[in-house]
């Protein structure tokens, strides 16, 4: 008698979420394609940064498309985090364990707190584990605040780098800004970075105090939300016309020297 065939493997779907975390909710059909919403409604297995926000997202989806199972029956597991106080990476076995539904033949969704999973997001390790395990990865269309900000900036969209968060220490932050400006000037490369919203103002102050007057600075805030904006101008213009940034909405900063 021949052994039973292994179940066909499911896929890892990268499901985008709206960019309204921490703000008033925007209607999902305005920011996500209907195909994404239908795909999300069909999933019964998820991995998320935070299970509560993932359930809140699915509740919004359910108002538009019936879920494949009652919300309380949908399995949502959270991304593992490094041990507190340790610099050791999360063991590979923990990432592989999250793929169990896909290895058993079920499609599995990965969702971020806002925007595209695995872009400026810790989910990239799960995507890498999926490739290593032979699980197909399917990215779904949705907004990325980084790319929206880059497109709206008018800076170099042909050559750019995302450098994450800048140091919190004021002196180290200023040194990093000077380093990024020098790199931008040398390579004609746009430098993109982000900050925790309540530190937006401090970062902007550092940028205006440190960058050369002719360096172009762009700040995008609350993209896809009512009142969202992008301001892009030389630093000299920013200094002449200061702008107060909100401390509860995420912003994307970009510079081109």
C-alpha atoms as a PDB file:
ATOM      1  CA  UNK A   1       0.000   0.000   0.000  1.00  0.00           C
ATOM      2  CA  UNK A   2       1.544   3.310  -1.064  1.00  0.00           C
ATOM      3  CA  UNK A   3       2.045   5.965   1.607  1.00  0.00           C
ATOM      4  CA  UNK A   4      -0.416   8.854   1.686  1.00  0.00           C
ATOM      5  CA  UNK A   5       0.671  11.830  -0.354  1.00  0.00           C
ATOM      6  CA  UNK A   6       1.726  14.912   1.557  1.00  0.00           C
ATOM      7  CA  UNK A   7      -0.884  17.670   1.460  1.00  0.00           C
ATOM      8  CA  UNK A   8      -0.386  20.374  -1.139  1.00  0.00           C
ATOM      9  CA  UNK A   9       1.115  23.426   0.468  1.00  0.00           C
ATOM     10  CA  UNK A  10      -0.839  26.601   0.957  1.00  0.00           C
ATOM     11  CA  UNK A  11       0.437  30.046   0.147  1.00  0.00           C
ATOM     12  CA  UNK A  12       1.636  32.930   2.292  1.00  0.00           C
ATOM     13  CA  UNK A  13      -0.464  35.951   1.299  1.00  0.00           C
ATOM     14  CA  UNK A  14       0.971  39.365   2.128  1.00  0.00           C
ATOM     15  CA  UNK A  15      -2.180  41.336   2.944  1.00  0.00           C
ATOM     16  CA  UNK A  16      -1.849  45.138   3.042  1.00  0.00           C
ATOM     17  CA  UNK A  17      -3.683  47.095   5.721  1.00  0.00           C
ATOM     18  CA  UNK A  18      -4.852  50.717   5.611  1.00  0.00           C
ATOM     19  CA  UNK A  19      -2.587  53.516   6.824  1.00  0.00           C
ATOM     20  CA  UNK A  20      -5.094  54.824   9.372  1.00  0.00           C
ATOM     21  CA  UNK A  21      -3.589  53.247  12.503  1.00  0.00           C
ATOM     22  CA  UNK A  22      -4.055  55.735  15.332  1.00  0.00           C
ATOM     23  CA  UNK A  23      -6.429  57.897  13.276  1.00  0.00           C
ATOM     24  CA  UNK A  24     -10.081  57.865  12.285  1.00  0.00           C
ATOM     25  CA  UNK A  25     -10.788  54.867  10.073  1.00  0.00           C
ATOM     26  CA  UNK A  26     -11.106  55.483   6.354  1.00  0.00           C
ATOM     27  CA  UNK A  27     -13.499  53.351   4.267  1.00  0.00           C
ATOM     28  CA  UNK A  28     -11.578  50.268   3.186  1.00  0.00           C
ATOM     29  CA  UNK A  29     -12.787  50.361  -0.453  1.00  0.00           C
ATOM     30  CA  UNK A  30     -11.116  53.765  -0.811  1.00  0.00           C
ATOM     31  CA  UNK A  31      -7.646  52.414  -0.040  1.00  0.00           C
ATOM     32  CA  UNK A  32      -7.685  48.643  -0.751  1.00  0.00           C
ATOM     33  CA  UNK A  33      -8.794  46.820  -3.920  1.00  0.00           C
ATOM     34  CA  UNK A  34     -11.891  44.647  -3.600  1.00  0.00           C
ATOM     35  CA  UNK A  35      -9.826  41.624  -4.572  1.00  0.00           C
ATOM     36  CA  UNK A  36      -7.653  42.132  -1.497  1.00  0.00           C
ATOM     37  CA  UNK A  37     -10.714  42.402   0.743  1.00  0.00           C
ATOM     38  CA  UNK A  38     -12.191  39.203  -0.696  1.00  0.00           C
ATOM     39  CA  UNK A  39      -8.884  37.377  -0.278  1.00  0.00           C
ATOM     40  CA  UNK A  40      -8.670  38.536   3.350  1.00  0.00           C
ATOM     41  CA  UNK A  41     -12.240  37.398   4.034  1.00  0.00           C
ATOM     42  CA  UNK A  42     -11.406  33.906   2.752  1.00  0.00           C
ATOM     43  CA  UNK A  43      -8.456  33.328   5.117  1.00  0.00           C
ATOM     44  CA  UNK A  44      -8.828  31.403   8.378  1.00  0.00           C
ATOM     45  CA  UNK A  45      -5.140  31.500   9.398  1.00  0.00           C
ATOM     46  CA  UNK A  46      -3.146  34.658  10.033  1.00  0.00           C
ATOM     47  CA  UNK A  47       0.157  35.961  11.374  1.00  0.00           C
ATOM     48  CA  UNK A  48       0.116  39.554  12.625  1.00  0.00           C
ATOM     49  CA  UNK A  49       2.173  42.068  14.559  1.00  0.00           C
ATOM     50  CA  UNK A  50      -0.739  42.487  16.954  1.00  0.00           C
ATOM     51  CA  UNK A  51      -3.710  40.111  17.062  1.00  0.00           C
ATOM     52  CA  UNK A  52      -6.097  42.800  18.323  1.00  0.00           C
ATOM     53  CA  UNK A  53      -5.500  45.140  15.406  1.00  0.00           C
ATOM     54  CA  UNK A  54      -5.714  42.191  12.991  1.00  0.00           C
ATOM     55  CA  UNK A  55      -9.137  41.295  14.415  1.00  0.00           C
ATOM     56  CA  UNK A  56     -10.209  44.929  14.114  1.00  0.00           C
ATOM     57  CA  UNK A  57      -9.193  44.851  10.451  1.00  0.00           C
ATOM     58  CA  UNK A  58     -11.131  41.633   9.840  1.00  0.00           C
ATOM     59  CA  UNK A  59     -14.179  43.125  11.518  1.00  0.00           C
ATOM     60  CA  UNK A  60     -14.036  45.949   8.980  1.00  0.00           C
ATOM     61  CA  UNK A  61     -13.622  43.425   6.163  1.00  0.00           C
ATOM     62  CA  UNK A  62     -16.621  41.451   7.436  1.00  0.00           C
ATOM     63  CA  UNK A  63     -18.832  44.499   6.944  1.00  0.00           C
ATOM     64  CA  UNK A  64     -18.075  44.212   3.228  1.00  0.00           C
ATOM     65  CA  UNK A  65     -17.555  40.476   2.602  1.00  0.00           C
ATOM     66  CA  UNK A  66     -18.595  37.446   4.707  1.00  0.00           C
ATOM     67  CA  UNK A  67     -15.672  35.879   6.535  1.00  0.00           C
ATOM     68  CA  UNK A  68     -14.868  32.218   5.890  1.00  0.00           C
ATOM     69  CA  UNK A  69     -15.398  31.495   9.605  1.00  0.00           C
ATOM     70  CA  UNK A  70     -16.693  33.385  12.644  1.00  0.00           C
ATOM     71  CA  UNK A  71     -14.147  35.972  13.743  1.00  0.00           C
ATOM     72  CA  UNK A  72     -13.551  34.259  17.082  1.00  0.00           C
ATOM     73  CA  UNK A  73     -12.736  31.023  15.243  1.00  0.00           C
ATOM     74  CA  UNK A  74     -10.107  32.563  12.965  1.00  0.00           C
ATOM     75  CA  UNK A  75      -6.612  31.669  14.141  1.00  0.00           C
ATOM     76  CA  UNK A  76      -4.268  34.654  14.531  1.00  0.00           C
ATOM     77  CA  UNK A  77      -0.734  34.171  15.775  1.00  0.00           C
ATOM     78  CA  UNK A  78       1.623  37.047  16.514  1.00  0.00           C
ATOM     79  CA  UNK A  79       5.117  37.542  15.145  1.00  0.00           C
ATOM     80  CA  UNK A  80       7.789  36.479  17.642  1.00  0.00           C
ATOM     81  CA  UNK A  81       9.916  39.182  19.209  1.00  0.00           C
ATOM     82  CA  UNK A  82      13.544  38.974  20.316  1.00  0.00           C
ATOM     83  CA  UNK A  83      13.994  38.142  23.972  1.00  0.00           C
ATOM     84  CA  UNK A  84      13.998  41.286  26.120  1.00  0.00           C
ATOM     85  CA  UNK A  85      17.532  42.513  26.681  1.00  0.00           C
ATOM     86  CA  UNK A  86      18.950  40.049  24.141  1.00  0.00           C
ATOM     87  CA  UNK A  87      20.505  40.804  20.784  1.00  0.00           C
ATOM     88  CA  UNK A  88      20.130  37.230  19.635  1.00  0.00           C
ATOM     89  CA  UNK A  89      17.782  36.832  16.655  1.00  0.00           C
ATOM     90  CA  UNK A  90      14.550  34.905  16.973  1.00  0.00           C
ATOM     91  CA  UNK A  91      15.358  31.211  16.358  1.00  0.00           C
ATOM     92  CA  UNK A  92      14.538  30.057  12.835  1.00  0.00           C
ATOM     93  CA  UNK A  93      12.341  27.284  14.232  1.00  0.00           C
ATOM     94  CA  UNK A  94       9.909  29.871  15.625  1.00  0.00           C
ATOM     95  CA  UNK A  95       9.402  31.411  12.206  1.00  0.00           C
ATOM     96  CA  UNK A  96       8.955  27.993  10.592  1.00  0.00           C
ATOM     97  CA  UNK A  97       6.380  27.045  13.230  1.00  0.00           C
ATOM     98  CA  UNK A  98       4.223  29.984  12.149  1.00  0.00           C
ATOM     99  CA  UNK A  99       4.035  28.443   8.681  1.00  0.00           C
ATOM    100  CA  UNK A 100       2.332  25.279   9.973  1.00  0.00           C
ATOM    101  CA  UNK A 101      -1.066  26.071   8.374  1.00  0.00           C
ATOM    102  CA  UNK A 102       0.560  26.602   4.959  1.00  0.00           C
ATOM    103  CA  UNK A 103       2.571  23.393   5.331  1.00  0.00           C
ATOM    104  CA  UNK A 104      -0.744  21.619   6.017  1.00  0.00           C
ATOM    105  CA  UNK A 105      -2.306  23.000   2.846  1.00  0.00           C
ATOM    106  CA  UNK A 106      -4.058  26.157   4.091  1.00  0.00           C
ATOM    107  CA  UNK A 107      -3.473  29.654   2.785  1.00  0.00           C
ATOM    108  CA  UNK A 108      -1.951  31.885   5.476  1.00  0.00           C
ATOM    109  CA  UNK A 109      -2.198  35.664   5.682  1.00  0.00           C
ATOM    110  CA  UNK A 110       0.527  37.999   6.952  1.00  0.00           C
ATOM    111  CA  UNK A 111      -0.615  41.481   7.937  1.00  0.00           C
ATOM    112  CA  UNK A 112       1.232  44.525   9.250  1.00  0.00           C
ATOM    113  CA  UNK A 113      -0.059  47.236  11.568  1.00  0.00           C
ATOM    114  CA  UNK A 114      -0.172  49.605   8.596  1.00  0.00           C
ATOM    115  CA  UNK A 115       0.751  49.306   4.942  1.00  0.00           C
ATOM    116  CA  UNK A 116       2.543  46.450   3.218  1.00  0.00           C
ATOM    117  CA  UNK A 117       3.786  43.515   5.273  1.00  0.00           C
ATOM    118  CA  UNK A 118       7.554  42.940   5.297  1.00  0.00           C
ATOM    119  CA  UNK A 119       8.322  46.508   4.106  1.00  0.00           C
ATOM    120  CA  UNK A 120       9.729  48.513   7.030  1.00  0.00           C
ATOM    121  CA  UNK A 121       8.169  45.697   9.025  1.00  0.00           C
ATOM    122  CA  UNK A 122       9.473  42.636  10.933  1.00  0.00           C
ATOM    123  CA  UNK A 123       7.398  40.251   8.801  1.00  0.00           C
ATOM    124  CA  UNK A 124      10.238  39.911   6.304  1.00  0.00           C
ATOM    125  CA  UNK A 125      11.679  37.089   8.430  1.00  0.00           C
ATOM    126  CA  UNK A 126       8.484  35.071   7.962  1.00  0.00           C
ATOM    127  CA  UNK A 127       8.630  35.657   4.213  1.00  0.00           C
ATOM    128  CA  UNK A 128      12.226  34.401   4.184  1.00  0.00           C
ATOM    129  CA  UNK A 129      11.160  31.335   6.164  1.00  0.00           C
ATOM    130  CA  UNK A 130       8.383  30.683   3.642  1.00  0.00           C
ATOM    131  CA  UNK A 131      10.833  30.701   0.751  1.00  0.00           C
ATOM    132  CA  UNK A 132      13.139  28.353   2.663  1.00  0.00           C
ATOM    133  CA  UNK A 133      10.220  25.980   3.334  1.00  0.00           C
ATOM    134  CA  UNK A 134       8.997  25.965  -0.254  1.00  0.00           C
ATOM    135  CA  UNK A 135       5.829  27.935   0.524  1.00  0.00           C
ATOM    136  CA  UNK A 136       4.701  30.244  -2.284  1.00  0.00           C
ATOM    137  CA  UNK A 137       4.551  33.931  -1.397  1.00  0.00           C
ATOM    138  CA  UNK A 138       1.827  36.095  -2.940  1.00  0.00           C
ATOM    139  CA  UNK A 139       1.970  39.878  -2.311  1.00  0.00           C
ATOM    140  CA  UNK A 140      -1.365  41.666  -2.649  1.00  0.00           C
ATOM    141  CA  UNK A 141      -1.747  45.246  -3.861  1.00  0.00           C
ATOM    142  CA  UNK A 142      -2.023  48.041  -1.320  1.00  0.00           C
ATOM    143  CA  UNK A 143      -0.536  51.307  -0.160  1.00  0.00           C
ATOM    144  CA  UNK A 144       3.016  51.598   1.137  1.00  0.00           C
ATOM    145  CA  UNK A 145       3.587  54.880   2.954  1.00  0.00           C
ATOM    146  CA  UNK A 146       7.243  54.840   1.873  1.00  0.00           C
ATOM    147  CA  UNK A 147       6.498  54.620  -1.843  1.00  0.00           C
ATOM    148  CA  UNK A 148       3.595  57.066  -1.645  1.00  0.00           C
ATOM    149  CA  UNK A 149       5.857  59.559   0.121  1.00  0.00           C
ATOM    150  CA  UNK A 150       8.647  59.037  -2.407  1.00  0.00           C
ATOM    151  CA  UNK A 151       6.256  59.511  -5.330  1.00  0.00           C
ATOM    152  CA  UNK A 152       4.838  62.697  -3.797  1.00  0.00           C
ATOM    153  CA  UNK A 153       8.242  64.148  -2.879  1.00  0.00           C
ATOM    154  CA  UNK A 154       9.536  65.062  -6.314  1.00  0.00           C
ATOM    155  CA  UNK A 155      12.939  63.749  -5.200  1.00  0.00           C
ATOM    156  CA  UNK A 156      14.937  61.096  -7.033  1.00  0.00           C
ATOM    157  CA  UNK A 157      12.650  58.085  -7.459  1.00  0.00           C
ATOM    158  CA  UNK A 158      15.194  56.260  -9.632  1.00  0.00           C
ATOM    159  CA  UNK A 159      17.761  55.907  -6.856  1.00  0.00           C
ATOM    160  CA  UNK A 160      16.684  55.823  -3.221  1.00  0.00           C
ATOM    161  CA  UNK A 161      17.266  54.050   0.089  1.00  0.00           C
ATOM    162  CA  UNK A 162      15.116  53.474   3.145  1.00  0.00           C
ATOM    163  CA  UNK A 163      17.245  53.732   6.288  1.00  0.00           C
ATOM    164  CA  UNK A 164      14.629  53.116   8.985  1.00  0.00           C
ATOM    165  CA  UNK A 165      14.772  55.047  12.252  1.00  0.00           C
ATOM    166  CA  UNK A 166      17.452  57.566  13.151  1.00  0.00           C
ATOM    167  CA  UNK A 167      19.127  57.524  16.603  1.00  0.00           C
ATOM    168  CA  UNK A 168      17.182  58.997  19.527  1.00  0.00           C
ATOM    169  CA  UNK A 169      20.212  60.669  21.102  1.00  0.00           C
ATOM    170  CA  UNK A 170      20.371  64.240  19.779  1.00  0.00           C
ATOM    171  CA  UNK A 171      24.093  64.246  18.979  1.00  0.00           C
ATOM    172  CA  UNK A 172      23.987  60.821  17.337  1.00  0.00           C
ATOM    173  CA  UNK A 173      20.886  61.811  15.373  1.00  0.00           C
ATOM    174  CA  UNK A 174      22.574  64.937  14.011  1.00  0.00           C
ATOM    175  CA  UNK A 175      25.664  62.923  13.076  1.00  0.00           C
ATOM    176  CA  UNK A 176      23.509  60.419  11.226  1.00  0.00           C
ATOM    177  CA  UNK A 177      21.708  63.210   9.356  1.00  0.00           C
ATOM    178  CA  UNK A 178      25.059  64.623   8.199  1.00  0.00           C
ATOM    179  CA  UNK A 179      26.116  61.132   7.106  1.00  0.00           C
ATOM    180  CA  UNK A 180      22.924  60.614   5.099  1.00  0.00           C
ATOM    181  CA  UNK A 181      23.227  64.045   3.492  1.00  0.00           C
ATOM    182  CA  UNK A 182      26.796  63.294   2.414  1.00  0.00           C
ATOM    183  CA  UNK A 183      25.719  59.921   0.999  1.00  0.00           C
ATOM    184  CA  UNK A 184      22.822  61.543  -0.839  1.00  0.00           C
ATOM    185  CA  UNK A 185      25.110  64.172  -2.362  1.00  0.00           C
ATOM    186  CA  UNK A 186      27.696  61.596  -3.406  1.00  0.00           C
ATOM    187  CA  UNK A 187      25.234  59.136  -4.990  1.00  0.00           C
ATOM    188  CA  UNK A 188      22.387  61.513  -5.984  1.00  0.00           C
ATOM    189  CA  UNK A 189      20.279  59.174  -3.865  1.00  0.00           C
ATOM    190  CA  UNK A 190      17.085  60.026  -1.970  1.00  0.00           C
ATOM    191  CA  UNK A 191      17.268  59.000   1.686  1.00  0.00           C
ATOM    192  CA  UNK A 192      13.974  57.928   3.299  1.00  0.00           C
ATOM    193  CA  UNK A 193      13.445  57.498   7.044  1.00  0.00           C
ATOM    194  CA  UNK A 194      10.695  57.441   9.653  1.00  0.00           C
ATOM    195  CA  UNK A 195      10.164  58.276  13.310  1.00  0.00           C
ATOM    196  CA  UNK A 196       7.767  57.467  16.129  1.00  0.00           C
ATOM    197  CA  UNK A 197       5.025  60.124  15.769  1.00  0.00           C
ATOM    198  CA  UNK A 198       5.607  61.839  19.113  1.00  0.00           C
ATOM    199  CA  UNK A 199       9.226  62.481  18.062  1.00  0.00           C
ATOM    200  CA  UNK A 200       8.323  63.948  14.647  1.00  0.00           C
ATOM    201  CA  UNK A 201       8.941  67.509  15.810  1.00  0.00           C
ATOM    202  CA  UNK A 202      12.332  66.702  17.343  1.00  0.00           C
ATOM    203  CA  UNK A 203      13.487  65.016  14.152  1.00  0.00           C
ATOM    204  CA  UNK A 204      12.316  67.913  12.009  1.00  0.00           C
ATOM    205  CA  UNK A 205      14.168  70.359  14.289  1.00  0.00           C
ATOM    206  CA  UNK A 206      17.359  68.331  13.876  1.00  0.00           C
ATOM    207  CA  UNK A 207      16.979  68.221  10.103  1.00  0.00           C
ATOM    208  CA  UNK A 208      16.474  71.976   9.819  1.00  0.00           C
ATOM    209  CA  UNK A 209      19.406  72.695  12.134  1.00  0.00           C
ATOM    210  CA  UNK A 210      21.790  70.267  10.439  1.00  0.00           C
ATOM    211  CA  UNK A 211      21.106  70.101   6.696  1.00  0.00           C
ATOM    212  CA  UNK A 212      22.539  72.513   4.153  1.00  0.00           C
ATOM    213  CA  UNK A 213      20.135  75.255   2.987  1.00  0.00           C
ATOM    214  CA  UNK A 214      19.992  73.895  -0.574  1.00  0.00           C
ATOM    215  CA  UNK A 215      19.277  70.288   0.437  1.00  0.00           C
ATOM    216  CA  UNK A 216      15.732  69.340  -0.501  1.00  0.00           C
ATOM    217  CA  UNK A 217      13.611  68.023   2.342  1.00  0.00           C
ATOM    218  CA  UNK A 218      10.240  66.326   1.974  1.00  0.00           C
ATOM    219  CA  UNK A 219       7.833  65.346   4.746  1.00  0.00           C
ATOM    220  CA  UNK A 220       4.683  63.306   4.131  1.00  0.00           C
ATOM    221  CA  UNK A 221       2.176  62.917   6.934  1.00  0.00           C
ATOM    222  CA  UNK A 222      -1.149  61.097   7.187  1.00  0.00           C
ATOM    223  CA  UNK A 223      -1.088  59.839   3.603  1.00  0.00           C
ATOM    224  CA  UNK A 224      -4.439  58.391   2.413  1.00  0.00           C
ATOM    225  CA  UNK A 225      -6.150  60.122   5.372  1.00  0.00           C
ATOM    226  CA  UNK A 226      -8.288  63.256   5.210  1.00  0.00           C
ATOM    227  CA  UNK A 227      -5.915  66.174   5.605  1.00  0.00           C
ATOM    228  CA  UNK A 228      -2.852  64.136   4.700  1.00  0.00           C
ATOM    229  CA  UNK A 229      -0.113  66.144   3.005  1.00  0.00           C
ATOM    230  CA  UNK A 230       3.366  66.230   1.506  1.00  0.00           C
ATOM    231  CA  UNK A 231       5.585  69.302   1.710  1.00  0.00           C
ATOM    232  CA  UNK A 232       8.772  69.260  -0.349  1.00  0.00           C
ATOM    233  CA  UNK A 233      11.137  72.242  -0.481  1.00  0.00           C
ATOM    234  CA  UNK A 234      14.746  73.298   0.087  1.00  0.00           C
ATOM    235  CA  UNK A 235      15.751  73.482   3.728  1.00  0.00           C
ATOM    236  CA  UNK A 236      16.093  77.264   3.434  1.00  0.00           C
ATOM    237  CA  UNK A 237      12.366  77.463   2.618  1.00  0.00           C
ATOM    238  CA  UNK A 238      11.500  75.201   5.542  1.00  0.00           C
ATOM    239  CA  UNK A 239      13.423  77.503   7.861  1.00  0.00           C
ATOM    240  CA  UNK A 240      11.660  80.570   6.461  1.00  0.00           C
ATOM    241  CA  UNK A 241       8.215  78.963   6.774  1.00  0.00           C
ATOM    242  CA  UNK A 242       8.240  76.488   9.696  1.00  0.00           C
ATOM    243  CA  UNK A 243       5.605  73.777   9.877  1.00  0.00           C
ATOM    244  CA  UNK A 244       4.341  72.081  13.027  1.00  0.00           C
ATOM    245  CA  UNK A 245       3.969  68.326  12.585  1.00  0.00           C
ATOM    246  CA  UNK A 246       1.241  66.343  14.371  1.00  0.00           C
ATOM    247  CA  UNK A 247       2.509  64.132  17.165  1.00  0.00           C
ATOM    248  CA  UNK A 248       0.025  61.298  16.653  1.00  0.00           C
ATOM    249  CA  UNK A 249       0.269  60.611  12.939  1.00  0.00           C
ATOM    250  CA  UNK A 250       3.195  58.800  11.321  1.00  0.00           C
ATOM    251  CA  UNK A 251       5.355  60.761   8.914  1.00  0.00           C
ATOM    252  CA  UNK A 252       7.870  59.798   6.251  1.00  0.00           C
ATOM    253  CA  UNK A 253      10.930  62.030   5.839  1.00  0.00           C
ATOM    254  CA  UNK A 254      13.071  62.229   2.707  1.00  0.00           C
ATOM    255  CA  UNK A 255      16.108  64.274   1.742  1.00  0.00           C
ATOM    256  CA  UNK A 256      18.097  64.804  -1.413  1.00  0.00           C
ATOM    257  CA  UNK A 257      21.308  66.815  -1.302  1.00  0.00           C
END
